[in-house]
Amino acid sequence: MKRFHQRPLRHHQKGVTAIIVGLCIVVLIGFLGLVADLGHLFITKTELSDAADACSLASAAELKGDADSLNRAESAGITVGQRNNVDFQNVGVSITPNQDITFSDHLNGTYYTKNAVAVTNIPNMKYAKCTLPRTGIMPWFMQVMGAGAQSVTSHAVAALSPSQTNCAIPVGLCTQTPPASCPDGSAPDSYGFCIGQWYGSRFTAGGGFTGNFNLIDYTPPSGGASELSGQMTGAGQCNLNITNSVGQTGMQQSVANAWNTRFGLYQGSYSVNNAPPDFTGYAYTVNSWPSQFNAYNGTDGTQPNFLASRTAHTIYQGDVAAGLNLTGSPNSATSAQLAANGADRRMVLMPIVNCGDWSTSQTVQIQKFACALLLQPMQAPGSDTYIEYRGQADLPGNPCATLGLPGAGGGIGPKVPALVR
């Protein structure tokens, strides 16, 4: 008789699968949380980097070497940097004055806050650095794993660098016959100019000029008074380089009115809102600066030089004091408006051209760019207007900075702000 052995019954372990699935879900959530939270930090740091770049570029544009340049540089960096947002564009960037923006005379040197820079060292500050931290970033998922608040920091350094292209006002400075020496005893430059020297021109209605500079047309022959006025009230003509040819154009009162907005003097539809002024409207004439030399940072009697007037936001002193006779009795911006709406409007770029070539050609070649100070408002056609030459715009030490495309290691144009780190 065969015996049938009964197999032992298996003891089923109920719930094991659920436990394994639960553990897998925890691990998956952990990985998901890690990816999401790291992505959150990465995006925040990228947004913060954009803000730091904008901050440093705006700061570097103001490094002109004058006594107030670091104050302007910090103010510009804060204003531009704080226009950015982080944390998926939901939170504004905060920049702490006298802490987050620092300056140095070397790229790899020590960086100082503006209050820590000695007055004598301000002209040596060439680099602006923005260090923007973002703290208190709470993880979305990793809090369950015990992770606390995180922080990220972005840095950017910018400086003024020679450009490939740039923006200039529609005024061409005529090459000069060099004098034996300049008023301060220095030698004239290769185009016959003396730094600090005043150069004037007299425009006649409808065209023609006598003197050292002329209104020019960057788009000959299509340019006109409206185009020139727009360039005067705006940034000028941009995307220029020394391969451009320019024509000459006639004088119109509308061009004078547009020129005068840079002094905070407004007529018609112009205002501080659509035609920003400089930080000062004070005019330098034979009345206010008898030596007619170096009104930029020199001394002449008791009147403040241009840099001092900028710091004080001094308004136009009026026709009688200036010895001018402006057409149309323009309204002057207030000192508060110059402080709030002012920009770098009287330190301008002008192409250097051989004006004699216009006698045989409708266009002439741009030879180089000059840095110039607009000394006074324009009067009616037939009156003299003066500017002060401040050097070739691509040479170190000139106070001009402009909008443009930085040169890739070989730029030869005027200085523009560029990221260096």
Foldseek 3Di string as FASTA:
>chain_A
DDDDDDDDDDDDDPPPVVVVVVVVVVVVLVVVLVVVQVVQVVQQQVQLQVLQAQLFQQLQQQLQQDQCSLVRSNVRSQVRSQVTAGSVRPHTFHADAQPFKWWDLDPPDDTGGPVPDDSVCSSSTFKIKGKGKDWQQARDRCVVVVDGIDMDIYMFMKGWFFFQKFFFAQKAFAQDDADPADPVRHGADPSRDDFFAKWKKFAAAFGDIDTGMAGKAQDPPPDDLVNNLVLLQDQHDIRDHQAGKIFGGHDDVSNLQSVLVQLQWHDDPDHCVRRPHALHNAADDCLQAVVNGRLQCDDGPPHHRPVVRSVQSYHYPDCVSRVHDAPPRTDGDDNVSSVVRHDHNFFGKHFYWNVVCVVPDRITTGPAIWTKGFRHRDHDRRDMGMIGTRGGQQDPSGSDEGDHHHDPVDRRHHIRMDIDD
